[in-house]
C-alpha atoms as a PDB file:
ATOM      1  CA  MET A   1      89.567  79.722 124.637  1.00  0.00           C
ATOM      2  CA  THR A   2      86.709  82.036 125.252  1.00  0.00           C
ATOM      3  CA  ARG A   3      84.754  83.455 122.346  1.00  0.00           C
ATOM      4  CA  ALA A   4      86.647  86.662 123.049  1.00  0.00           C
ATOM      5  CA  LEU A   5      90.086  85.128 122.785  1.00  0.00           C
ATOM      6  CA  ARG A   6      89.198  83.421 119.537  1.00  0.00           C
ATOM      7  CA  ALA A   7      88.428  86.888 118.242  1.00  0.00           C
ATOM      8  CA  TRP A   8      91.848  88.139 119.267  1.00  0.00           C
ATOM      9  CA  LEU A   9      93.559  85.135 117.758  1.00  0.00           C
ATOM     10  CA  LEU A  10      93.331  86.280 114.154  1.00  0.00           C
ATOM     11  CA  GLY A  11      91.529  89.539 114.675  1.00  0.00           C
ATOM     12  CA  LEU A  12      87.778  89.245 114.880  1.00  0.00           C
ATOM     13  CA  LEU A  13      86.766  86.252 112.767  1.00  0.00           C
ATOM     14  CA  PHE A  14      83.155  85.732 111.848  1.00  0.00           C
ATOM     15  CA  GLY A  15      80.903  83.442 109.890  1.00  0.00           C
ATOM     16  CA  ALA A  16      78.136  84.697 107.610  1.00  0.00           C
ATOM     17  CA  LEU A  17      74.877  86.266 108.669  1.00  0.00           C
ATOM     18  CA  ALA A  18      71.698  84.848 107.204  1.00  0.00           C
ATOM     19  CA  ALA A  19      70.872  88.291 105.841  1.00  0.00           C
ATOM     20  CA  SER A  20      72.710  91.588 105.626  1.00  0.00           C
ATOM     21  CA  PRO A  21      71.375  94.572 107.560  1.00  0.00           C
ATOM     22  CA  ALA A  22      69.721  97.356 105.631  1.00  0.00           C
ATOM     23  CA  LEU A  23      72.458  99.827 106.593  1.00  0.00           C
ATOM     24  CA  ALA A  24      75.928  98.653 107.522  1.00  0.00           C
ATOM     25  CA  ASP A  25      77.688 100.855 110.055  1.00  0.00           C
ATOM     26  CA  PRO A  26      80.936  99.215 111.251  1.00  0.00           C
ATOM     27  CA  PRO A  27      82.706 101.404 113.809  1.00  0.00           C
ATOM     28  CA  MET A  28      85.092 104.130 112.642  1.00  0.00           C
ATOM     29  CA  TRP A  29      86.989 106.826 114.543  1.00  0.00           C
ATOM     30  CA  ARG A  30      88.557 110.146 113.471  1.00  0.00           C
ATOM     31  CA  VAL A  31      91.650 111.325 115.337  1.00  0.00           C
ATOM     32  CA  ARG A  32      93.384 114.710 115.154  1.00  0.00           C
ATOM     33  CA  PRO A  33      95.828 116.725 117.280  1.00  0.00           C
ATOM     34  CA  PRO A  34      94.486 119.046 119.992  1.00  0.00           C
ATOM     35  CA  SER A  35      93.200 122.419 118.873  1.00  0.00           C
ATOM     36  CA  GLY A  36      96.022 124.701 117.810  1.00  0.00           C
ATOM     37  CA  LYS A  37      98.559 121.900 117.440  1.00  0.00           C
ATOM     38  CA  PRO A  38     100.005 121.112 113.995  1.00  0.00           C
ATOM     39  CA  GLY A  39      99.324 117.761 112.386  1.00  0.00           C
ATOM     40  CA  THR A  40      96.836 115.834 110.328  1.00  0.00           C
ATOM     41  CA  GLU A  41      93.676 113.773 110.793  1.00  0.00           C
ATOM     42  CA  ILE A  42      93.723 110.002 110.609  1.00  0.00           C
ATOM     43  CA  VAL A  43      90.881 107.487 110.522  1.00  0.00           C
ATOM     44  CA  LEU A  44      90.712 104.217 112.476  1.00  0.00           C
ATOM     45  CA  PHE A  45      88.504 101.439 111.120  1.00  0.00           C
ATOM     46  CA  GLY A  46      87.768  98.259 113.055  1.00  0.00           C
ATOM     47  CA  SER A  47      88.275  95.226 110.851  1.00  0.00           C
ATOM     48  CA  VAL A  48      86.990  91.683 110.463  1.00  0.00           C
ATOM     49  CA  HIS A  49      89.446  89.279 108.873  1.00  0.00           C
ATOM     50  CA  LEU A  50      87.094  86.640 107.525  1.00  0.00           C
ATOM     51  CA  LEU A  51      83.665  87.347 106.047  1.00  0.00           C
ATOM     52  CA  SER A  52      81.032  85.975 103.752  1.00  0.00           C
ATOM     53  CA  PRO A  53      81.657  87.249 100.208  1.00  0.00           C
ATOM     54  CA  ASP A  54      77.970  88.228 100.012  1.00  0.00           C
ATOM     55  CA  LEU A  55      78.010  90.458 103.089  1.00  0.00           C
ATOM     56  CA  LYS A  56      77.546  94.164 102.340  1.00  0.00           C
ATOM     57  CA  TRP A  57      79.639  96.101 104.839  1.00  0.00           C
ATOM     58  CA  ARG A  58      81.356  98.995 103.025  1.00  0.00           C
ATOM     59  CA  SER A  59      79.872 102.430 103.638  1.00  0.00           C
ATOM     60  CA  PRO A  60      80.186 105.613 101.523  1.00  0.00           C
ATOM     61  CA  ALA A  61      82.096 107.248 104.390  1.00  0.00           C
ATOM     62  CA  LEU A  62      84.680 104.475 104.442  1.00  0.00           C
ATOM     63  CA  ASP A  63      85.060 104.534 100.660  1.00  0.00           C
ATOM     64  CA  ARG A  64      85.697 108.301 100.771  1.00  0.00           C
ATOM     65  CA  GLU A  65      88.424 107.854 103.372  1.00  0.00           C
ATOM     66  CA  LEU A  66      90.020 105.073 101.360  1.00  0.00           C
ATOM     67  CA  ALA A  67      90.016 107.150  98.169  1.00  0.00           C
ATOM     68  CA  GLN A  68      91.786 110.124  99.755  1.00  0.00           C
ATOM     69  CA  ALA A  69      94.208 108.348 102.129  1.00  0.00           C
ATOM     70  CA  HIS A  70      97.912 108.880 101.490  1.00  0.00           C
ATOM     71  CA  GLU A  71      98.740 105.798 103.533  1.00  0.00           C
ATOM     72  CA  LEU A  72      96.830 102.621 104.342  1.00  0.00           C
ATOM     73  CA  TRP A  73      97.945 100.793 107.495  1.00  0.00           C
ATOM     74  CA  PHE A  74      97.217  97.168 108.440  1.00  0.00           C
ATOM     75  CA  GLU A  75      98.297  94.924 111.298  1.00  0.00           C
ATOM     76  CA  ILE A  76     100.512  92.905 108.937  1.00  0.00           C
ATOM     77  CA  PRO A  77     101.408  93.226 105.217  1.00  0.00           C
ATOM     78  CA  MET A  78      98.665  92.002 102.903  1.00  0.00           C
ATOM     79  CA  ASP A  79     100.786  90.943  99.912  1.00  0.00           C
ATOM     80  CA  GLY A  80     101.112  87.353  98.778  1.00  0.00           C
ATOM     81  CA  ALA A  81     104.714  86.996  99.912  1.00  0.00           C
ATOM     82  CA  ALA A  82     103.801  88.000 103.466  1.00  0.00           C
ATOM     83  CA  GLN A  83     100.910  85.545 103.538  1.00  0.00           C
ATOM     84  CA  ALA A  84     103.167  82.731 102.328  1.00  0.00           C
ATOM     85  CA  ALA A  85     105.747  83.638 104.956  1.00  0.00           C
ATOM     86  CA  ALA A  86     103.045  83.554 107.634  1.00  0.00           C
ATOM     87  CA  ALA A  87     102.019  80.040 106.599  1.00  0.00           C
ATOM     88  CA  GLY A  88     105.617  78.868 106.770  1.00  0.00           C
ATOM     89  CA  THR A  89     106.174  80.458 110.169  1.00  0.00           C
ATOM     90  CA  ALA A  90     102.975  78.948 111.562  1.00  0.00           C
ATOM     91  CA  ALA A  91     104.020  75.502 110.372  1.00  0.00           C
ATOM     92  CA  LYS A  92     107.461  75.908 111.956  1.00  0.00           C
ATOM     93  CA  LEU A  93     106.283  77.311 115.289  1.00  0.00           C
ATOM     94  CA  GLY A  94     103.091  75.249 115.510  1.00  0.00           C
ATOM     95  CA  LYS A  95     104.581  71.790 115.959  1.00  0.00           C
ATOM     96  CA  LEU A  96     105.194  70.148 119.323  1.00  0.00           C
ATOM     97  CA  PRO A  97     108.662  68.842 120.238  1.00  0.00           C
ATOM     98  CA  ALA A  98     109.382  65.266 119.232  1.00  0.00           C
ATOM     99  CA  GLY A  99     107.829  62.824 121.647  1.00  0.00           C
ATOM    100  CA  GLN A 100     104.982  65.117 122.702  1.00  0.00           C
ATOM    101  CA  THR A 101     101.381  64.916 121.556  1.00  0.00           C
ATOM    102  CA  LEU A 102      98.501  67.348 121.748  1.00  0.00           C
ATOM    103  CA  SER A 103      96.462  64.889 123.825  1.00  0.00           C
ATOM    104  CA  GLN A 104      99.122  64.936 126.527  1.00  0.00           C
ATOM    105  CA  HIS A 105      98.297  68.583 127.196  1.00  0.00           C
ATOM    106  CA  LEU A 106      94.509  68.105 127.383  1.00  0.00           C
ATOM    107  CA  GLY A 107      92.207  66.663 129.996  1.00  0.00           C
ATOM    108  CA  PRO A 108      90.048  63.575 129.299  1.00  0.00           C
ATOM    109  CA  GLU A 109      86.924  65.599 128.513  1.00  0.00           C
ATOM    110  CA  ALA A 110      88.821  67.873 126.134  1.00  0.00           C
ATOM    111  CA  ARG A 111      90.375  64.895 124.332  1.00  0.00           C
ATOM    112  CA  ALA A 112      86.905  63.482 123.719  1.00  0.00           C
ATOM    113  CA  ARG A 113      85.679  66.876 122.509  1.00  0.00           C
ATOM    114  CA  LEU A 114      88.672  67.188 120.202  1.00  0.00           C
ATOM    115  CA  ALA A 115      87.727  63.943 118.482  1.00  0.00           C
ATOM    116  CA  ARG A 116      84.092  65.003 118.114  1.00  0.00           C
ATOM    117  CA  VAL A 117      84.837  68.511 116.842  1.00  0.00           C
ATOM    118  CA  ALA A 118      87.509  67.349 114.407  1.00  0.00           C
ATOM    119  CA  GLY A 119      85.142  64.681 113.102  1.00  0.00           C
ATOM    120  CA  ARG A 120      82.452  67.305 112.620  1.00  0.00           C
ATOM    121  CA  PHE A 121      84.764  69.029 110.146  1.00  0.00           C
ATOM    122  CA  GLY A 122      85.850  65.796 108.466  1.00  0.00           C
ATOM    123  CA  LEU A 123      89.290  65.961 110.062  1.00  0.00           C
ATOM    124  CA  PRO A 124      90.866  62.934 111.810  1.00  0.00           C
ATOM    125  CA  ALA A 125      91.787  63.944 115.354  1.00  0.00           C
ATOM    126  CA  ALA A 126      95.066  62.064 114.940  1.00  0.00           C
ATOM    127  CA  SER A 127      96.135  64.607 112.305  1.00  0.00           C
ATOM    128  CA  LEU A 128      96.244  67.287 115.027  1.00  0.00           C
ATOM    129  CA  GLU A 129      98.378  65.354 117.506  1.00  0.00           C
ATOM    130  CA  THR A 130     101.657  66.995 116.456  1.00  0.00           C
ATOM    131  CA  PHE A 131     100.155  70.504 116.702  1.00  0.00           C
ATOM    132  CA  ARG A 132     100.750  72.868 119.566  1.00  0.00           C
ATOM    133  CA  PRO A 133      97.415  73.821 121.146  1.00  0.00           C
ATOM    134  CA  TRP A 134      97.380  77.294 119.575  1.00  0.00           C
ATOM    135  CA  LEU A 135      97.729  75.896 116.037  1.00  0.00           C
ATOM    136  CA  ALA A 136      95.074  73.251 116.628  1.00  0.00           C
ATOM    137  CA  GLU A 137      92.789  76.022 117.836  1.00  0.00           C
ATOM    138  CA  VAL A 138      93.450  78.199 114.790  1.00  0.00           C
ATOM    139  CA  THR A 139      92.826  75.262 112.478  1.00  0.00           C
ATOM    140  CA  LEU A 140      89.516  74.277 114.068  1.00  0.00           C
ATOM    141  CA  THR A 141      88.324  77.871 114.347  1.00  0.00           C
ATOM    142  CA  LEU A 142      88.969  78.514 110.657  1.00  0.00           C
ATOM    143  CA  LEU A 143      87.175  75.304 109.711  1.00  0.00           C
ATOM    144  CA  GLN A 144      84.198  76.371 111.817  1.00  0.00           C
ATOM    145  CA  LEU A 145      84.061  79.795 110.199  1.00  0.00           C
ATOM    146  CA  GLN A 146      84.375  78.395 106.711  1.00  0.00           C
ATOM    147  CA  GLN A 147      81.543  75.997 107.492  1.00  0.00           C
ATOM    148  CA  GLN A 148      79.431  79.014 108.486  1.00  0.00           C
ATOM    149  CA  GLY A 149      80.143  80.753 105.170  1.00  0.00           C
ATOM    150  CA  GLY A 150      83.256  82.797 105.861  1.00  0.00           C
ATOM    151  CA  ARG A 151      85.784  82.867 103.040  1.00  0.00           C
ATOM    152  CA  GLN A 152      89.422  83.819 103.016  1.00  0.00           C
ATOM    153  CA  GLY A 153      89.930  86.697 100.623  1.00  0.00           C
ATOM    154  CA  SER A 154      86.644  88.332 101.645  1.00  0.00           C
ATOM    155  CA  GLY A 155      87.848  89.962 104.851  1.00  0.00           C
ATOM    156  CA  VAL A 156      88.136  93.685 105.436  1.00  0.00           C
ATOM    157  CA  GLU A 157      91.894  94.012 104.937  1.00  0.00           C
ATOM    158  CA  GLU A 158      92.054  92.046 101.722  1.00  0.00           C
ATOM    159  CA  THR A 159      89.043  93.873 100.305  1.00  0.00           C
ATOM    160  CA  LEU A 160      90.378  97.333 101.130  1.00  0.00           C
ATOM    161  CA  SER A 161      93.867  96.453  99.949  1.00  0.00           C
ATOM    162  CA  ARG A 162      92.484  95.510  96.533  1.00  0.00           C
ATOM    163  CA  ALA A 163      90.307  98.641  96.394  1.00  0.00           C
ATOM    164  CA  ALA A 164      92.998 101.114  97.483  1.00  0.00           C
ATOM    165  CA  PRO A 165      94.048 103.762  94.946  1.00  0.00           C
ATOM    166  CA  PRO A 166      97.491 103.176  93.387  1.00  0.00           C
ATOM    167  CA  SER A 167      98.748 106.354  95.030  1.00  0.00           C
ATOM    168  CA  ALA A 168      98.133 105.045  98.561  1.00  0.00           C
ATOM    169  CA  ARG A 169     101.211 103.640 100.266  1.00  0.00           C
ATOM    170  CA  THR A 170     100.597 100.522 102.354  1.00  0.00           C
ATOM    171  CA  ARG A 171     102.228 100.028 105.727  1.00  0.00           C
ATOM    172  CA  ALA A 172     102.029  97.502 108.576  1.00  0.00           C
ATOM    173  CA  PHE A 173     102.503  97.639 112.341  1.00  0.00           C
ATOM    174  CA  GLU A 174     103.853  94.087 112.643  1.00  0.00           C
ATOM    175  CA  THR A 175     105.373  91.286 110.615  1.00  0.00           C
ATOM    176  CA  PRO A 176     103.557  87.952 110.237  1.00  0.00           C
ATOM    177  CA  GLU A 177     106.226  86.280 112.356  1.00  0.00           C
ATOM    178  CA  GLN A 178     105.806  88.783 115.182  1.00  0.00           C
ATOM    179  CA  GLN A 179     102.068  88.202 115.196  1.00  0.00           C
ATOM    180  CA  ILE A 180     102.378  84.418 115.167  1.00  0.00           C
ATOM    181  CA  ARG A 181     104.957  84.466 117.958  1.00  0.00           C
ATOM    182  CA  LEU A 182     102.441  86.231 120.189  1.00  0.00           C
ATOM    183  CA  LEU A 183     100.550  82.935 120.171  1.00  0.00           C
ATOM    184  CA  ALA A 184     103.364  80.435 119.750  1.00  0.00           C
ATOM    185  CA  GLU A 185     105.402  81.761 122.664  1.00  0.00           C
ATOM    186  CA  ALA A 186     102.529  81.842 125.131  1.00  0.00           C
ATOM    187  CA  PRO A 187     102.873  79.238 127.924  1.00  0.00           C
ATOM    188  CA  ILE A 188     101.696  75.814 126.778  1.00  0.00           C
ATOM    189  CA  ARG A 189      99.337  75.605 129.755  1.00  0.00           C
ATOM    190  CA  GLU A 190      97.529  78.764 128.635  1.00  0.00           C
ATOM    191  CA  GLN A 191      97.404  77.504 125.069  1.00  0.00           C
ATOM    192  CA  ALA A 192      95.844  74.224 126.205  1.00  0.00           C
ATOM    193  CA  ALA A 193      93.277  75.927 128.430  1.00  0.00           C
ATOM    194  CA  SER A 194      92.334  78.198 125.554  1.00  0.00           C
ATOM    195  CA  LEU A 195      91.906  75.256 123.174  1.00  0.00           C
ATOM    196  CA  GLU A 196      89.759  73.397 125.686  1.00  0.00           C
ATOM    197  CA  GLN A 197      87.412  76.365 126.019  1.00  0.00           C
ATOM    198  CA  THR A 198      87.200  76.771 122.255  1.00  0.00           C
ATOM    199  CA  LEU A 199      86.295  73.108 121.813  1.00  0.00           C
ATOM    200  CA  LYS A 200      83.543  73.537 124.366  1.00  0.00           C
ATOM    201  CA  GLU A 201      82.174  76.659 122.690  1.00  0.00           C
ATOM    202  CA  ILE A 202      82.216  75.128 119.218  1.00  0.00           C
ATOM    203  CA  GLU A 203      79.947  72.405 120.573  1.00  0.00           C
ATOM    204  CA  THR A 204      77.713  74.475 122.818  1.00  0.00           C
ATOM    205  CA  ASP A 205      77.599  77.958 121.244  1.00  0.00           C
ATOM    206  CA  PRO A 206      77.379  77.516 117.462  1.00  0.00           C
ATOM    207  CA  ASP A 207      75.950  81.020 116.917  1.00  0.00           C
ATOM    208  CA  ALA A 208      78.781  82.867 118.676  1.00  0.00           C
ATOM    209  CA  PHE A 209      80.373  84.270 115.543  1.00  0.00           C
ATOM    210  CA  ASP A 210      77.078  85.324 114.012  1.00  0.00           C
ATOM    211  CA  GLU A 211      76.435  87.359 117.164  1.00  0.00           C
ATOM    212  CA  LEU A 212      79.871  88.959 116.996  1.00  0.00           C
ATOM    213  CA  GLN A 213      79.507  89.760 113.326  1.00  0.00           C
ATOM    214  CA  LYS A 214      76.106  91.349 113.856  1.00  0.00           C
ATOM    215  CA  ALA A 215      77.500  93.550 116.629  1.00  0.00           C
ATOM    216  CA  TRP A 216      80.361  94.632 114.369  1.00  0.00           C
ATOM    217  CA  ILE A 217      78.280  95.476 111.337  1.00  0.00           C
ATOM    218  CA  ASP A 218      75.773  97.355 113.530  1.00  0.00           C
ATOM    219  CA  GLY A 219      78.588  99.370 115.108  1.00  0.00           C
ATOM    220  CA  ASP A 220      77.619  98.109 118.576  1.00  0.00           C
ATOM    221  CA  THR A 221      80.868  98.884 120.369  1.00  0.00           C
ATOM    222  CA  ALA A 222      79.288  98.464 123.812  1.00  0.00           C
ATOM    223  CA  TRP A 223      78.402  94.851 122.966  1.00  0.00           C
ATOM    224  CA  LEU A 224      81.850  94.207 121.523  1.00  0.00           C
ATOM    225  CA  GLU A 225      83.553  95.601 124.607  1.00  0.00           C
ATOM    226  CA  ARG A 226      81.324  93.607 126.927  1.00  0.00           C
ATOM    227  CA  GLU A 227      81.343  90.284 125.060  1.00  0.00           C
ATOM    228  CA  ALA A 228      84.751  90.318 123.346  1.00  0.00           C
ATOM    229  CA  VAL A 229      87.111  92.423 125.411  1.00  0.00           C
ATOM    230  CA  GLY A 230      85.743  91.943 128.928  1.00  0.00           C
ATOM    231  CA  PRO A 231      85.733  88.131 129.042  1.00  0.00           C
ATOM    232  CA  LEU A 232      89.299  87.892 127.739  1.00  0.00           C
ATOM    233  CA  ARG A 233      90.524  90.416 130.284  1.00  0.00           C
ATOM    234  CA  GLU A 234      88.876  88.463 133.095  1.00  0.00           C
ATOM    235  CA  ALA A 235      89.682  84.920 131.922  1.00  0.00           C
ATOM    236  CA  SER A 236      93.359  85.435 131.117  1.00  0.00           C
ATOM    237  CA  PRO A 237      94.916  88.722 132.236  1.00  0.00           C
ATOM    238  CA  ALA A 238      98.342  87.608 130.986  1.00  0.00           C
ATOM    239  CA  LEU A 239      97.124  86.850 127.466  1.00  0.00           C
ATOM    240  CA  TYR A 240      95.047  90.004 127.465  1.00  0.00           C
ATOM    241  CA  ARG A 241      98.170  92.044 128.208  1.00  0.00           C
ATOM    242  CA  ARG A 242     100.170  90.151 125.596  1.00  0.00           C
ATOM    243  CA  LEU A 243      97.649  90.178 122.763  1.00  0.00           C
ATOM    244  CA  VAL A 244      95.904  93.475 123.430  1.00  0.00           C
ATOM    245  CA  VAL A 245      97.423  95.966 125.847  1.00  0.00           C
ATOM    246  CA  GLU A 246     101.056  95.760 124.786  1.00  0.00           C
ATOM    247  CA  ARG A 247     100.229  95.841 121.079  1.00  0.00           C
ATOM    248  CA  ASN A 248      97.818  98.752 121.479  1.00  0.00           C
ATOM    249  CA  ARG A 249     100.518 100.748 123.240  1.00  0.00           C
ATOM    250  CA  ARG A 250     103.062 100.079 120.494  1.00  0.00           C
ATOM    251  CA  TRP A 251     100.577 100.970 117.769  1.00  0.00           C
ATOM    252  CA  THR A 252      99.549 104.159 119.565  1.00  0.00           C
ATOM    253  CA  GLN A 253     103.150 105.351 119.594  1.00  0.00           C
ATOM    254  CA  GLU A 254     103.334 104.887 115.820  1.00  0.00           C
ATOM    255  CA  ILE A 255      99.976 106.600 115.340  1.00  0.00           C
ATOM    256  CA  GLU A 256     101.204 109.609 117.307  1.00  0.00           C
ATOM    257  CA  ARG A 257     104.047 109.967 114.817  1.00  0.00           C
ATOM    258  CA  LEU A 258     101.558 109.800 111.952  1.00  0.00           C
ATOM    259  CA  LEU A 259      99.404 112.497 113.524  1.00  0.00           C
ATOM    260  CA  LYS A 260     102.309 114.932 113.508  1.00  0.00           C
ATOM    261  CA  ARG A 261     102.659 114.758 109.733  1.00  0.00           C
ATOM    262  CA  LYS A 262     100.637 116.425 106.987  1.00  0.00           C
ATOM    263  CA  GLU A 263      99.543 113.278 105.127  1.00  0.00           C
ATOM    264  CA  SER A 264      96.279 111.502 105.883  1.00  0.00           C
ATOM    265  CA  ALA A 265      96.147 107.833 106.826  1.00  0.00           C
ATOM    266  CA  LEU A 266      93.470 105.145 107.085  1.00  0.00           C
ATOM    267  CA  ILE A 267      94.368 102.601 109.765  1.00  0.00           C
ATOM    268  CA  VAL A 268      92.640  99.226 109.640  1.00  0.00           C
ATOM    269  CA  VAL A 269      93.091  96.860 112.609  1.00  0.00           C
ATOM    270  CA  GLY A 270      90.954  94.286 114.388  1.00  0.00           C
ATOM    271  CA  VAL A 271      87.976  96.021 115.946  1.00  0.00           C
ATOM    272  CA  GLY A 272      88.778  94.482 119.312  1.00  0.00           C
ATOM    273  CA  HIS A 273      91.799  96.780 119.508  1.00  0.00           C
ATOM    274  CA  LEU A 274      89.528  99.818 119.184  1.00  0.00           C
ATOM    275  CA  VAL A 275      87.003  99.243 121.993  1.00  0.00           C
ATOM    276  CA  GLY A 276      87.401  99.287 125.747  1.00  0.00           C
ATOM    277  CA  ALA A 277      89.488 101.108 128.330  1.00  0.00           C
ATOM    278  CA  ASP A 278      92.816  99.882 126.923  1.00  0.00           C
ATOM    279  CA  SER A 279      91.913 100.482 123.280  1.00  0.00           C
ATOM    280  CA  VAL A 280      93.850 102.636 120.840  1.00  0.00           C
ATOM    281  CA  PRO A 281      91.160 105.385 120.839  1.00  0.00           C
ATOM    282  CA  ALA A 282      91.157 105.411 124.659  1.00  0.00           C
ATOM    283  CA  LEU A 283      94.947 105.684 124.789  1.00  0.00           C
ATOM    284  CA  LEU A 284      94.926 108.539 122.279  1.00  0.00           C
ATOM    285  CA  ARG A 285      92.234 110.396 124.233  1.00  0.00           C
ATOM    286  CA  ARG A 286      94.302 110.076 127.411  1.00  0.00           C
ATOM    287  CA  ARG A 287      97.261 111.568 125.554  1.00  0.00           C
ATOM    288  CA  GLY A 288      95.238 114.647 124.625  1.00  0.00           C
ATOM    289  CA  TYR A 289      94.231 113.872 121.060  1.00  0.00           C
ATOM    290  CA  VAL A 290      90.734 114.630 119.776  1.00  0.00           C
ATOM    291  CA  VAL A 291      88.979 111.358 118.983  1.00  0.00           C
ATOM    292  CA  GLU A 292      85.553 111.381 117.364  1.00  0.00           C
ATOM    293  CA  GLY A 293      83.683 108.127 117.174  1.00  0.00           C
ATOM    294  CA  PRO A 294      81.767 105.559 119.219  1.00  0.00           C
END
C-alpha cells in the first residue's frame, strides 16, 4: 500500500526520530457550538499509535485538557481485554481459506520482495503464506516500525489512558472487531495491491515513517494532508471512503451529540482523520460548529 494507507491501517504508525524537537506541537482542535447555542467545548487530538518511548510529545496544553476532561474518547477501547479480543479477531479473520496461499495473490516481483523483506526482519516468508494480504501487511509494517525504535505501549492512546484522572470516563467509537473488519472485508485484490506497494516502499523508502512522525510532532497538517491523505484518496478511492470518509461521518454524528451536553470531552483519534477536506474538523465546520485549530 502507499505510505498513506499504511498510516490509515492502524492509525498513523511511526518509528523513532533520531532526536526530539525542542518544542513538540502535535495538532489539536477546539470545537464548540455556534455563538448563542447551548452546549460544551470538546478537544480533538490527533494521535500516533506507535512511538519511541524516548520521544517527548506531550504539551502543557494537552495535559491541561486531559486533567479536566469528563470523558476521554478513543477509536477503540484501550483495556487489556479489548486488546486481547483484537488479537483473536485478527487471527480469525486474517487467514486465507484452505488451499489458498498468499503468493497466489501476488505478482512475481512482489513474491520476490516478500521473501527479501521478511528475511530482513528474520521472518521466513513461508510463515506468511496462510495470511490474507492485509494481515501480512500489518505484520511486516509493525516489524519495520519496531526495528526503527517504535514500541507498543508507548503510543498516544496508551500513554493518555494511563495518565487520565480516575474521574474521567473512557469511551470508544468502535469495537476492535469493527476496526479489523474494515481491513479484512476489503476485496482481496485491493488487499494484495496494497501489500505489494508496502513491500516496495519498505525497500525503497526506509525513512517514510520518520518523515511522517516529524510532520506530526511539528503540527504540520498541510504536509500530513498532502502526503498521507491525498495519496490514499487518489490511489484507492474505495478504500479511502471505507477507512476514512465513512468513519469520519459516523464519528462526527457522535461528536455532535457530545457537543450538546455540558460535560467536556477529549477525543483522541488518528491524526489522519483530522486533516483534509473530509476530516472530522472539516465536517464539523460545514455543520456550523466553531472549530479552532490548524
